Amino acid sequence: MPIDITMPALSPTMEEGKLAKWHVKEGDSVSSGDVIAEIETDKATMEVEAVDEGKIGKILVAEGTENVKVNAVIAVLLQDGESAGDMAAPKAAPAAEAPKAASAPEAAKPAAAAPAAATNTNTGTSAPAAKAAPAPAKSEGGKVFASPLARRLAKEAGIDVSAISGTGPKGRVVKSDVVAAKSGATPLKAAAPAAGAAAAPAGATVAGGMSKAQVLALYEEGSYELVPNDGMRKVVAARLTESKQTVPHFYLTMDCKIDGLMAAREQINAQAPKGKDGKPAYKLSVNDFIMKAWAVALQRVPLANATWAGDSILYHKRSDVAVAVSVPGGLFTPVVKSCDTKSLREISEEVKDLATRARSKKLAPHEYQGGASSVSNLGMFGIKHFAAVINPPHGTILAVGAGEERVYPENGQIKIGQFMTVTLSCDHRAVDGALGAELLGVFKGLIENPVMMLA
């Protein structure tokens, strides 16, 4: 019988993704291992391979479709001797519509008019036409009846779906209702407060207790450009908001004298062999030394190499250190595994490779998941000091500022040296104050005396 091709889970935490591209079309024959599609998550774009051989009988999810749920059927594969008549009627797609739907947009229809029968582009069947008169969205057990697309559009517009009058069957909220409410053509209902809770303004809270609609109302229309957040930005925002709200942060700051580091870096880079083009085989950065020193420090203070896991704490045997990489629209934290065991040159090459592939969304999930700590370095931007937000489930993150010349006293004399300020953010559930201070002290000793990293 025909085989369903489903949306794969490309990582343990993936719930949905975007079907970025099909490499096959209906009627194409495929073999096991052939690349048939590209799936885009918030972190990466990955290829999907066929696991069976056969012929593509039906493609159910179009290119560009976002929010396709994991395990949703995206295509049907026909085996030898089967035809399109052997396929069962596909289930209703749980995904949102593709950005460019084939049918006429409901948004163009007046809110008071009855929407035309919706056609399922996958099956060709039609749904019953909705009643013309708007009716309150009926609920059962406090649940509002609304189509998945209407819920998504309402969420993106910052509108509480329960405050929208539905014109669909039995008062169901549909896309045209959300469009009408968003444009102001249909007034919103007063949202009923939850049991035991005070009534809140319609719309999701997005900034300082305000909804999106309230934020937009503060600015003159045309004075800004409204750019919807992509998947990466949404995930970054959600994770860091959750981190600040649920992880008890505390911060430790220390100055490190880096004259020895800079001298060692200059000496090592000077010894790099040159190729035929005259370019050196490698060029170590200050961050390479920081990554190495931090990884070694985590080994020397093993109780700080920790992750909070609810009723337990994970104490990691390896120093898997993530490095923050800025990419268009967000932030990646690829992980250098067993960083303490690698040479400075190996760390340098690996970080450059991970950063390059992160910016083109070509990292595999295992390359940016895991780790117990991170390094975030803004020194190249001239930032002297900052405190970074912990990236769950990491227990710590080291924020590194710019190196600069400073005057300091030594043995009664005034001297000039190069210093950088580092700030350690700790999850107080897993790393206590004294433990964090010990970890930062060990790092300071290593970064000020780089030769000790090799001891």
Protein backbone atom coordinates (compact mmCIF):
# COMPACT_ATOMS: atom_id res chain seq x y z
CA MET A 1 0.00 0.00 0.00
CA PRO A 2 1.13 3.64 -0.47
CA ILE A 3 3.65 4.96 2.05
CA ASP A 4 3.17 8.27 3.83
CA ILE A 5 6.19 10.59 3.81
CA THR A 6 6.01 12.62 7.00
CA MET A 7 7.65 15.76 8.35
CA PRO A 8 10.77 14.48 10.15
CA ALA A 9 11.90 15.59 13.60
CA LEU A 10 15.36 16.99 12.87
CA SER A 11 16.10 17.55 16.56
CA PRO A 12 14.68 16.32 19.89
CA THR A 13 12.98 19.68 20.52
CA MET A 14 11.62 20.29 17.01
CA GLU A 15 7.83 20.60 16.87
CA GLU A 16 7.35 22.15 13.44
CA GLY A 17 9.34 23.39 10.47
CA LYS A 18 9.14 24.99 7.05
CA LEU A 19 9.10 22.93 3.87
CA ALA A 20 11.63 25.08 2.09
CA LYS A 21 12.04 23.18 -1.19
CA TRP A 22 11.01 20.04 -3.03
CA HIS A 23 13.70 18.27 -5.07
CA VAL A 24 11.10 15.98 -6.68
CA LYS A 25 7.72 16.38 -8.34
CA GLU A 26 4.71 14.13 -8.62
CA GLY A 27 5.46 11.14 -10.83
CA ASP A 28 9.21 11.10 -10.13
CA SER A 29 10.79 7.80 -9.17
CA VAL A 30 13.03 7.81 -6.10
CA SER A 31 15.34 5.35 -4.40
CA SER A 32 16.28 5.00 -0.78
CA GLY A 33 18.80 7.72 0.08
CA ASP A 34 17.70 10.17 -2.63
CA VAL A 35 17.29 13.76 -1.43
CA ILE A 36 13.65 14.65 -1.89
CA ALA A 37 13.20 17.90 0.07
CA GLU A 38 14.79 20.59 2.21
CA ILE A 39 13.36 21.38 5.64
CA GLU A 40 14.10 24.67 7.39
CA THR A 41 13.97 24.94 11.17
CA ASP A 42 14.79 27.92 13.35
CA LYS A 43 18.41 26.76 13.40
CA ALA A 44 19.26 25.08 10.12
CA THR A 45 18.21 23.98 6.65
CA MET A 46 18.57 20.22 6.23
CA GLU A 47 18.01 17.74 3.44
CA VAL A 48 15.43 14.96 3.73
CA GLU A 49 16.20 11.62 2.13
CA ALA A 50 13.78 8.97 0.91
CA VAL A 51 13.78 5.83 3.07
CA ASP A 52 11.96 3.66 0.51
CA GLU A 53 11.93 3.37 -3.25
CA GLY A 54 8.90 4.13 -5.36
CA LYS A 55 7.15 6.92 -7.22
CA ILE A 56 5.95 10.23 -5.78
CA GLY A 57 2.18 9.88 -6.02
CA LYS A 58 1.07 13.09 -4.37
CA ILE A 59 2.74 16.12 -2.81
CA LEU A 60 0.49 17.37 0.00
CA VAL A 61 2.51 20.31 1.34
CA ALA A 62 3.69 23.00 -1.05
CA GLU A 63 7.11 24.63 -1.09
CA GLY A 64 7.34 27.55 1.28
CA THR A 65 4.73 26.21 3.70
CA GLU A 66 5.60 27.17 7.27
CA ASN A 67 4.61 25.67 10.62
CA VAL A 68 4.35 22.12 9.30
CA LYS A 69 3.98 19.90 12.35
CA VAL A 70 6.38 17.01 12.97
CA ASN A 71 4.89 13.71 11.67
CA ALA A 72 2.40 15.54 9.43
CA VAL A 73 2.07 13.78 6.03
CA ILE A 74 3.83 15.90 3.41
CA ALA A 75 3.72 13.47 0.46
CA VAL A 76 2.64 9.97 -0.55
CA LEU A 77 5.00 7.41 -2.09
CA LEU A 78 3.56 4.77 -4.42
CA GLN A 79 5.23 1.38 -4.51
CA ASP A 80 5.71 -0.84 -7.54
CA GLY A 81 2.41 -1.55 -9.28
CA GLU A 82 0.41 1.06 -7.36
CA SER A 83 -1.42 4.03 -8.88
CA ALA A 84 -2.96 7.25 -7.64
CA GLY A 85 -6.28 5.40 -7.18
CA ASP A 86 -4.70 3.33 -4.41
CA MET A 87 -4.15 6.42 -2.24
CA ALA A 88 -6.52 7.09 0.62
CA ALA A 89 -7.98 10.56 0.96
CA PRO A 90 -5.36 12.58 2.81
CA LYS A 91 -6.06 13.89 6.28
CA ALA A 92 -6.60 17.57 6.82
CA ALA A 93 -3.22 19.24 6.82
CA PRO A 94 -2.27 20.46 10.33
CA ALA A 95 0.05 23.06 8.86
CA ALA A 96 -0.58 26.68 8.12
CA GLU A 97 -1.21 27.72 4.54
CA ALA A 98 1.72 28.37 2.25
CA PRO A 99 2.74 32.03 2.00
CA LYS A 100 1.33 32.14 -1.55
CA ALA A 101 -1.94 30.21 -1.55
CA ALA A 102 -3.49 29.30 -4.88
CA SER A 103 -7.05 30.27 -3.91
CA ALA A 104 -8.35 33.83 -3.65
CA PRO A 105 -7.51 35.26 -0.22
CA GLU A 106 -10.36 35.47 2.25
CA ALA A 107 -8.93 38.80 3.35
CA ALA A 108 -10.44 40.47 0.31
CA LYS A 109 -13.99 39.51 1.33
CA PRO A 110 -16.20 41.79 3.48
CA ALA A 111 -16.46 40.64 7.09
CA ALA A 112 -20.26 40.56 7.02
CA ALA A 113 -20.49 38.52 3.83
CA ALA A 114 -20.61 34.74 3.89
CA PRO A 115 -17.26 33.28 2.80
CA ALA A 116 -17.33 31.08 -0.26
CA ALA A 117 -16.86 27.35 0.20
CA ALA A 118 -13.20 26.68 0.97
CA THR A 119 -11.48 24.30 -1.41
CA ASN A 120 -8.85 21.90 -0.10
CA THR A 121 -6.03 22.25 -2.64
CA ASN A 122 -4.84 18.71 -1.80
CA THR A 123 -8.13 16.83 -2.28
CA GLY A 124 -10.27 19.13 -4.41
CA THR A 125 -13.17 18.77 -1.97
CA SER A 126 -15.19 21.70 -0.75
CA ALA A 127 -16.20 22.65 2.76
CA PRO A 128 -19.74 23.94 3.50
CA ALA A 129 -20.27 27.67 3.13
CA ALA A 130 -20.40 29.64 6.36
CA LYS A 131 -23.51 31.43 7.56
CA ALA A 132 -23.75 35.10 6.72
CA ALA A 133 -24.60 36.48 10.16
CA PRO A 134 -21.67 36.83 12.56
CA ALA A 135 -22.08 34.87 15.76
CA PRO A 136 -20.01 34.70 18.91
CA ALA A 137 -17.44 31.93 18.77
CA LYS A 138 -18.98 29.10 20.74
CA SER A 139 -16.80 27.39 23.28
CA GLU A 140 -16.80 24.18 25.19
CA GLY A 141 -14.98 24.02 28.48
CA GLY A 142 -13.57 27.49 27.85
CA LYS A 143 -12.11 26.55 24.45
CA VAL A 144 -12.82 28.89 21.54
CA PHE A 145 -13.64 27.32 18.18
CA ALA A 146 -11.26 28.72 15.58
CA SER A 147 -9.39 27.37 12.58
CA PRO A 148 -5.63 26.75 13.05
CA LEU A 149 -4.90 29.47 10.47
CA ALA A 150 -7.16 31.95 12.27
CA ARG A 151 -5.42 31.21 15.57
CA ARG A 152 -1.99 31.76 14.02
CA LEU A 153 -2.99 35.01 12.33
CA ALA A 154 -4.62 36.29 15.52
CA LYS A 155 -1.50 35.46 17.51
CA GLU A 156 0.74 37.24 15.00
CA ALA A 157 -1.57 40.29 15.12
CA GLY A 158 -1.54 40.34 18.92
CA ILE A 159 -5.31 39.75 19.09
CA ASP A 160 -7.03 37.43 21.55
CA VAL A 161 -8.94 34.99 19.34
CA SER A 162 -11.70 34.76 21.96
CA ALA A 163 -12.43 38.46 21.38
CA ILE A 164 -13.27 37.90 17.70
CA SER A 165 -16.82 37.20 16.51
CA GLY A 166 -16.79 34.12 14.30
CA THR A 167 -18.67 33.87 10.98
CA GLY A 168 -17.79 30.27 10.29
CA PRO A 169 -19.96 27.21 10.98
CA LYS A 170 -21.37 27.30 14.54
CA GLY A 171 -19.58 30.59 15.20
CA ARG A 172 -16.13 29.26 14.29
CA VAL A 173 -13.47 31.99 13.88
CA VAL A 174 -11.95 31.87 10.39
CA LYS A 175 -9.27 33.81 8.56
CA SER A 176 -11.61 36.54 7.27
CA ASP A 177 -12.78 37.25 10.84
CA VAL A 178 -9.21 37.87 11.96
CA VAL A 179 -8.52 40.11 8.97
CA ALA A 180 -11.66 42.12 9.69
CA ALA A 181 -10.79 42.46 13.37
CA LYS A 182 -7.22 43.47 12.54
CA SER A 183 -8.41 46.20 10.16
CA GLY A 184 -10.97 47.48 12.64
CA ALA A 185 -13.92 46.63 10.38
CA THR A 186 -15.31 44.37 13.11
CA PRO A 187 -15.12 45.48 16.77
CA LEU A 188 -13.56 43.11 19.27
CA LYS A 189 -15.61 41.57 22.05
CA ALA A 190 -14.67 42.06 25.66
CA ALA A 191 -12.62 38.99 26.56
CA ALA A 192 -14.02 37.04 29.49
CA PRO A 193 -11.51 36.67 32.32
CA ALA A 194 -10.34 33.21 33.29
CA ALA A 195 -11.64 31.77 36.54
CA GLY A 196 -9.95 33.48 39.45
CA ALA A 197 -8.14 35.96 37.20
CA ALA A 198 -8.67 39.61 36.41
CA ALA A 199 -9.62 40.63 32.90
CA ALA A 200 -6.67 41.57 30.68
CA PRO A 201 -6.49 43.65 27.48
CA ALA A 202 -7.10 41.70 24.29
CA GLY A 203 -3.95 40.49 22.61
CA ALA A 204 -0.81 38.74 23.67
CA THR A 205 1.63 40.65 25.84
CA VAL A 206 4.69 41.54 23.79
CA ALA A 207 6.43 44.47 25.49
CA GLY A 208 6.22 45.98 28.95
CA GLY A 209 2.80 44.43 29.57
CA MET A 210 1.44 45.81 26.28
CA SER A 211 -0.07 43.92 23.38
CA LYS A 212 1.14 44.29 19.81
CA ALA A 213 -1.93 46.37 18.98
CA GLN A 214 -1.21 48.70 21.89
CA VAL A 215 2.42 49.10 20.82
CA LEU A 216 1.46 49.91 17.22
CA ALA A 217 -1.10 52.45 18.43
CA LEU A 218 1.72 54.55 19.93
CA TYR A 219 3.32 55.23 16.55
CA GLU A 220 2.06 57.02 13.48
CA GLU A 221 1.24 54.65 10.65
CA GLY A 222 3.88 54.91 7.94
CA SER A 223 6.61 55.98 10.36
CA TYR A 224 7.91 52.43 10.74
CA GLU A 225 8.39 49.20 8.83
CA LEU A 226 6.68 46.17 10.37
CA VAL A 227 8.80 43.05 9.75
CA PRO A 228 7.35 39.73 10.98
CA ASN A 229 9.74 37.70 13.11
CA ASP A 230 11.12 34.60 11.46
CA GLY A 231 11.39 31.23 13.20
CA MET A 232 14.88 31.89 14.54
CA ARG A 233 14.03 35.23 16.09
CA LYS A 234 10.89 33.78 17.69
CA VAL A 235 12.82 30.92 19.25
CA VAL A 236 15.65 33.19 20.47
CA ALA A 237 13.11 35.55 22.03
CA ALA A 238 11.17 32.74 23.67
CA ARG A 239 14.23 30.95 25.05
CA LEU A 240 15.92 34.06 26.45
CA THR A 241 12.67 35.34 27.96
CA GLU A 242 12.19 31.96 29.60
CA SER A 243 15.81 32.02 30.77
CA LYS A 244 15.51 35.40 32.49
CA GLN A 245 12.15 34.48 34.01
CA THR A 246 12.96 30.98 35.25
CA VAL A 247 16.74 30.81 35.72
CA PRO A 248 18.01 32.61 38.85
CA HIS A 249 20.99 34.50 37.41
CA PHE A 250 23.80 36.01 39.41
CA TYR A 251 26.88 37.73 38.04
CA LEU A 252 30.58 37.80 38.88
CA THR A 253 32.97 40.29 37.25
CA MET A 254 36.77 40.20 37.13
CA ASP A 255 39.58 42.00 35.30
CA CYS A 256 42.23 39.88 33.58
CA LYS A 257 45.69 41.12 32.62
CA ILE A 258 46.38 39.83 29.11
CA ASP A 259 49.91 41.02 28.31
CA GLY A 260 51.15 37.42 28.49
CA LEU A 261 48.33 36.21 26.26
CA MET A 262 48.99 38.86 23.62
CA ALA A 263 52.73 38.06 23.61
CA ALA A 264 52.06 34.32 23.29
CA ARG A 265 49.57 34.90 20.48
CA GLU A 266 52.02 37.08 18.58
CA GLN A 267 54.79 34.53 18.98
CA ILE A 268 52.67 31.56 17.90
CA ASN A 269 51.22 33.38 14.88
CA ALA A 270 54.73 34.45 13.82
CA GLN A 271 55.73 30.77 13.65
CA ALA A 272 52.84 29.81 11.35
CA PRO A 273 54.12 28.31 8.08
CA LYS A 274 53.19 30.22 4.94
CA GLY A 275 51.69 28.76 1.80
CA LYS A 276 52.59 29.48 -1.81
CA ASP A 277 50.35 32.54 -1.73
CA GLY A 278 52.30 33.91 1.22
CA LYS A 279 49.38 33.58 3.63
CA PRO A 280 49.98 31.95 7.03
CA ALA A 281 48.50 28.49 7.59
CA TYR A 282 46.66 29.75 10.66
CA LYS A 283 46.10 32.88 12.71
CA LEU A 284 45.00 32.47 16.31
CA SER A 285 42.56 34.95 17.80
CA VAL A 286 42.23 36.10 21.41
CA ASN A 287 38.95 34.20 21.52
CA ASP A 288 40.76 30.93 20.76
CA PHE A 289 42.78 31.38 23.96
CA ILE A 290 39.62 32.28 25.88
CA MET A 291 37.83 29.14 24.66
CA LYS A 292 40.78 26.95 25.65
CA ALA A 293 41.22 28.59 29.06
CA TRP A 294 37.50 28.36 29.84
CA ALA A 295 37.36 24.69 28.85
CA VAL A 296 40.37 23.85 31.02
CA ALA A 297 38.92 25.84 33.93
CA LEU A 298 35.71 23.79 33.74
CA GLN A 299 37.82 20.63 34.05
CA ARG A 300 39.71 21.97 37.05
CA VAL A 301 36.49 23.01 38.81
CA PRO A 302 34.28 20.05 37.80
CA LEU A 303 31.40 20.96 40.12
CA ALA A 304 30.88 24.10 38.03
CA ASN A 305 30.68 22.11 34.80
CA ALA A 306 27.02 21.56 35.59
CA THR A 307 23.50 21.61 34.16
CA TRP A 308 20.31 21.91 36.20
CA ALA A 309 17.85 19.08 35.42
CA GLY A 310 14.94 19.64 37.78
CA ASP A 311 15.35 17.03 40.50
CA SER A 312 18.99 16.41 39.55
CA ILE A 313 22.19 18.15 38.48
CA LEU A 314 24.26 16.86 35.58
CA TYR A 315 28.01 17.09 36.18
CA HIS A 316 29.65 16.83 32.77
CA LYS A 317 32.81 14.85 32.19
CA ARG A 318 33.75 16.77 29.04
CA SER A 319 34.20 20.49 28.49
CA ASP A 320 31.77 21.02 25.62
CA VAL A 321 31.84 24.81 25.22
CA ALA A 322 29.41 26.72 23.01
CA VAL A 323 30.47 29.93 21.30
CA ALA A 324 27.96 32.66 20.51
CA VAL A 325 27.87 33.49 16.78
CA SER A 326 25.86 36.41 15.46
CA VAL A 327 23.91 35.59 12.29
CA PRO A 328 21.33 37.59 10.31
CA GLY A 329 18.12 37.56 12.33
CA GLY A 330 19.43 35.88 15.44
CA LEU A 331 22.12 34.03 17.29
CA PHE A 332 23.68 30.57 17.00
CA THR A 333 25.64 28.78 19.72
CA PRO A 334 27.57 25.95 18.02
CA VAL A 335 29.42 23.70 20.44
CA VAL A 336 33.12 22.80 20.42
CA LYS A 337 33.11 19.29 21.89
CA SER A 338 35.90 18.29 24.31
CA CYS A 339 37.34 21.76 23.88
CA ASP A 340 39.86 21.25 26.72
CA THR A 341 41.59 18.41 24.84
CA LYS A 342 42.08 20.36 21.60
CA SER A 343 45.01 22.52 20.61
CA LEU A 344 44.60 26.25 20.07
CA ARG A 345 44.94 25.72 16.34
CA GLU A 346 42.26 22.99 16.35
CA ILE A 347 39.91 25.24 18.32
CA SER A 348 40.58 28.13 15.92
CA GLU A 349 39.82 26.05 12.82
CA GLU A 350 36.72 24.45 14.34
CA VAL A 351 35.23 27.74 15.53
CA LYS A 352 35.77 29.32 12.11
CA ASP A 353 34.15 26.36 10.38
CA LEU A 354 31.17 26.29 12.77
CA ALA A 355 30.66 30.04 12.49
CA THR A 356 30.76 29.97 8.67
CA ARG A 357 28.23 27.16 8.45
CA ALA A 358 26.06 28.73 11.17
CA ARG A 359 25.67 31.88 9.07
CA SER A 360 24.45 29.80 6.12
CA LYS A 361 22.24 27.58 8.35
CA LYS A 362 24.19 24.47 7.43
CA LEU A 363 24.81 23.11 10.93
CA ALA A 364 23.49 19.71 11.96
CA PRO A 365 21.52 19.59 15.24
CA HIS A 366 24.28 17.75 17.10
CA GLU A 367 26.63 20.66 16.34
CA TYR A 368 24.59 23.28 18.22
CA GLN A 369 22.85 21.21 20.90
CA GLY A 370 24.26 20.24 24.28
CA GLY A 371 27.19 21.74 26.12
CA ALA A 372 27.24 23.00 29.69
CA SER A 373 28.63 26.51 29.23
CA SER A 374 29.01 29.24 26.63
CA VAL A 375 31.41 32.03 25.71
CA SER A 376 30.04 35.31 24.35
CA ASN A 377 32.72 37.74 23.18
CA LEU A 378 31.80 41.29 22.16
CA GLY A 379 35.32 42.64 22.51
CA MET A 380 35.70 42.99 18.75
CA PHE A 381 32.89 45.56 18.86
CA GLY A 382 34.65 47.66 21.48
CA ILE A 383 32.30 46.62 24.31
CA LYS A 384 34.17 46.86 27.62
CA HIS A 385 31.74 45.07 29.88
CA PHE A 386 28.38 43.29 29.68
CA ALA A 387 26.40 40.51 31.35
CA ALA A 388 25.13 37.72 29.09
CA VAL A 389 21.89 35.76 29.45
CA ILE A 390 22.36 32.04 30.16
CA ASN A 391 21.42 29.77 27.26
CA PRO A 392 19.40 26.91 28.86
CA PRO A 393 20.22 24.23 29.78
CA HIS A 394 23.74 25.61 30.27
CA GLY A 395 24.73 26.38 33.83
CA THR A 396 27.03 29.31 33.01
CA ILE A 397 28.00 31.76 30.30
CA LEU A 398 31.17 33.88 30.16
CA ALA A 399 30.81 37.41 28.73
CA VAL A 400 34.09 38.85 27.42
CA GLY A 401 34.81 42.52 26.85
CA ALA A 402 37.45 44.32 24.80
CA GLY A 403 41.12 44.36 25.73
CA GLU A 404 42.48 47.83 26.47
CA GLU A 405 45.49 49.54 28.01
CA ARG A 406 45.00 50.56 31.64
CA VAL A 407 47.13 52.11 34.33
CA TYR A 408 47.66 49.87 37.39
CA PRO A 409 49.83 49.92 40.53
CA GLU A 410 52.46 47.22 41.16
CA ASN A 411 55.00 47.19 44.01
CA GLY A 412 54.51 50.89 44.60
CA GLN A 413 54.98 51.78 40.94
CA ILE A 414 52.46 52.89 38.32
CA LYS A 415 52.51 50.70 35.23
CA ILE A 416 50.56 50.30 32.02
CA GLY A 417 49.18 46.93 30.94
CA GLN A 418 46.49 45.37 28.77
CA PHE A 419 43.35 44.23 30.56
CA MET A 420 39.98 42.79 29.64
CA THR A 421 36.88 42.54 31.80
CA VAL A 422 34.95 39.27 31.95
CA THR A 423 31.58 38.64 33.60
CA LEU A 424 30.34 35.19 34.53
CA SER A 425 26.57 34.58 34.61
CA CYS A 426 25.64 31.56 36.74
CA ASP A 427 22.48 29.53 37.24
CA HIS A 428 22.28 29.71 41.04
CA ARG A 429 20.44 26.39 41.15
CA ALA A 430 23.49 24.52 39.84
CA VAL A 431 26.44 26.84 40.54
CA ASP A 432 26.64 28.69 43.86
CA GLY A 433 28.43 32.00 44.40
CA ALA A 434 31.62 30.59 45.91
CA LEU A 435 31.81 27.90 43.22
CA GLY A 436 31.36 30.47 40.45
CA ALA A 437 34.05 32.66 42.02
CA GLU A 438 36.44 29.68 42.14
CA LEU A 439 35.78 28.90 38.47
CA LEU A 440 36.37 32.51 37.41
CA GLY A 441 39.55 32.66 39.49
CA VAL A 442 40.96 29.56 37.78
CA PHE A 443 40.14 31.07 34.38
CA LYS A 444 41.93 34.30 35.33
CA GLY A 445 45.06 32.34 36.30
CA LEU A 446 45.03 30.49 32.97
CA ILE A 447 44.34 33.48 30.75
CA GLU A 448 47.04 35.57 32.48
CA ASN A 449 49.57 32.72 32.19
CA PRO A 450 48.69 30.89 28.96
CA VAL A 451 51.44 28.32 29.40
CA MET A 452 49.45 26.94 32.36
CA MET A 453 46.74 25.75 29.93
CA LEU A 454 49.20 23.05 28.90
CA ALA A 455 50.02 21.89 32.41
